[in-house]
Amino acid sequence: MWPRLVANKILRKRLGSNNFVADFPNSTDANSLEIPNLGRPALNADSIFNHHRDTHNYKVFVSTWNVGGIAPSEDLDMADWLDTPNVCDIYVLGFQEIVPLRASNVLGSENNKISMKWNCLIREALNKKVQCCRGDDEDPPQINIDPLEKRKNLLPPIKDERAIEGTISNTPQDFHCIISKQMVGILISVWVRSDLRPYVRHPNVSCVGCGIMGCLGNKGSVSVRFQLHETSFCFVCSHLASGGREGDEKHRNSDASEILSRTSFPRGPSLDLPRRILDHDRVILLGDLNYRISLPEETTRLLVNRKEWNTLLENDQLRMELMNGQAFEGWQEGIIKFAPTYKYCPNSNVYFGCLEGKKSEKSRAPAWCDRIIWYGEGLKQHLYGRGEAKLSDHRPVKAIFSAEVEVLQTLKGLQQFFLSERFDQITNKFDDMPSSQKFLCKSRLSFKI
């Protein structure tokens, strides 16, 4: 018992609190990632105005990649992986083994240099198209602001219709990191369009270690949550137990159950915020889940060569778990029409164990180890595929979802009121009052919208 208690103490010390890094909201430094201040409670429109809600769709790009402890080079091409021409509203990028899983990294102090490298590459890739679209040499046009426009500046900020409607216009947008969190080799990084940033609230993280002694961070999960408008999101980046022997899938099921039961987010300023993973409105789990194909290795390799994906998937351990509804009851996965993503020889398209004279002592049959699944309603998957980057022995897996988001229309109606003739009549009457009455009126003035 005492080794587990010691390990838990080490893990808590290494993970610290629920701190994470993110862009400053008004940062002008493109490479600045700092710990945000989460102490400010957000205004709750429910307590201020009557309102109605509309449902809009946002495009969410989700990807997972086990990079095998290999640091990225500065010239790593991210375009294929991130599918940058197909711009989305939100990007959720999960990594496993961003550092080698040796004892010094598991038990030592956190090394965030590699995570900063990845975040810099992500920032450059997501914003490269934006910078190219802008005319850097062009001066912005000078605009004369009339009194009506000045009044708009006093209203609560509504950036543009894209922030409400959730659609992509032709106007280029920067992307900003709202959450980036590392636990040993697991990293998750979340990016949103700049005009959506004001509508993101209550970001937070929760880490669960399932590795050595059942609690260290070489295996486990980093979960992030935030609220976009009135809809809560939770993304779980996981690295489950490895092993291709019969019965190893039970360890993976156990890890998944531990993650779902032990992940807990702080309440924050609002008591109605969800704390558990499955209590959120939109839930996506991504990562190296390590599930294998329950067939003899020779049969698996033969079917892979024939590209008989359906036959292989009938024996895929995760698919069987999803169908049986044990560790992943209620979860869903899209249709797989791509080759297994593990295990490749370094810098090649050849699966491990297929090269002459390089037979491994350990069995490493091809498998779909890297997966993206989701829970609940309000998510529709439009793409499920893989990238072809050869950095590690895994290939990245990516998905694009449309997510339903509830949007309050209160501010929009409030803006229309303040720009209306009725508001002009009220302000004109106020201006015509004697000064003594204005003083009394300021403390008692009320009106119906």
Foldseek 3Di string as FASTA:
>chain_A
DVVLVVQQVLQCVQQPPFWFWWDDLPDPDLLDIGTDDQQDDDDDVVVPDDFDKDKAKFKEKEKEEELQQDADDPPDDCCLVRVQVPDTFKYKYKYFNVHHPDPCLQRHHDDCPRVSSVVVSVQCSNCVVVVVPDDPPDDDDDDDDDPLNVLLVVADDDPDCCLVRNDDDPHRFHKIWPGWDDARGIIMIMIGTSNQVVQKHDKTKWWADCDVVGGTNSFAWIKIWIAGAHFIEIEIEGDFDADDDPPSVVRLLVRLLCNQVVQFTDCRPHNPDDTGQVVGAKYKYWYQSRWFFPDPLVVLVVCLVVQVVVVRLVRTPVSVCDVVCDSPNQKDFDDDNEGFFDFPDAPDPHHQCPDPPRHDPDDTRGGNRTGMMIHDDFKDWDDWAWGDDRSHRGTMIMTMIIGMHMHICVSVVVSVVCSDVVVVVVVVVLVPDPPVVNVVCVVPPDDDD
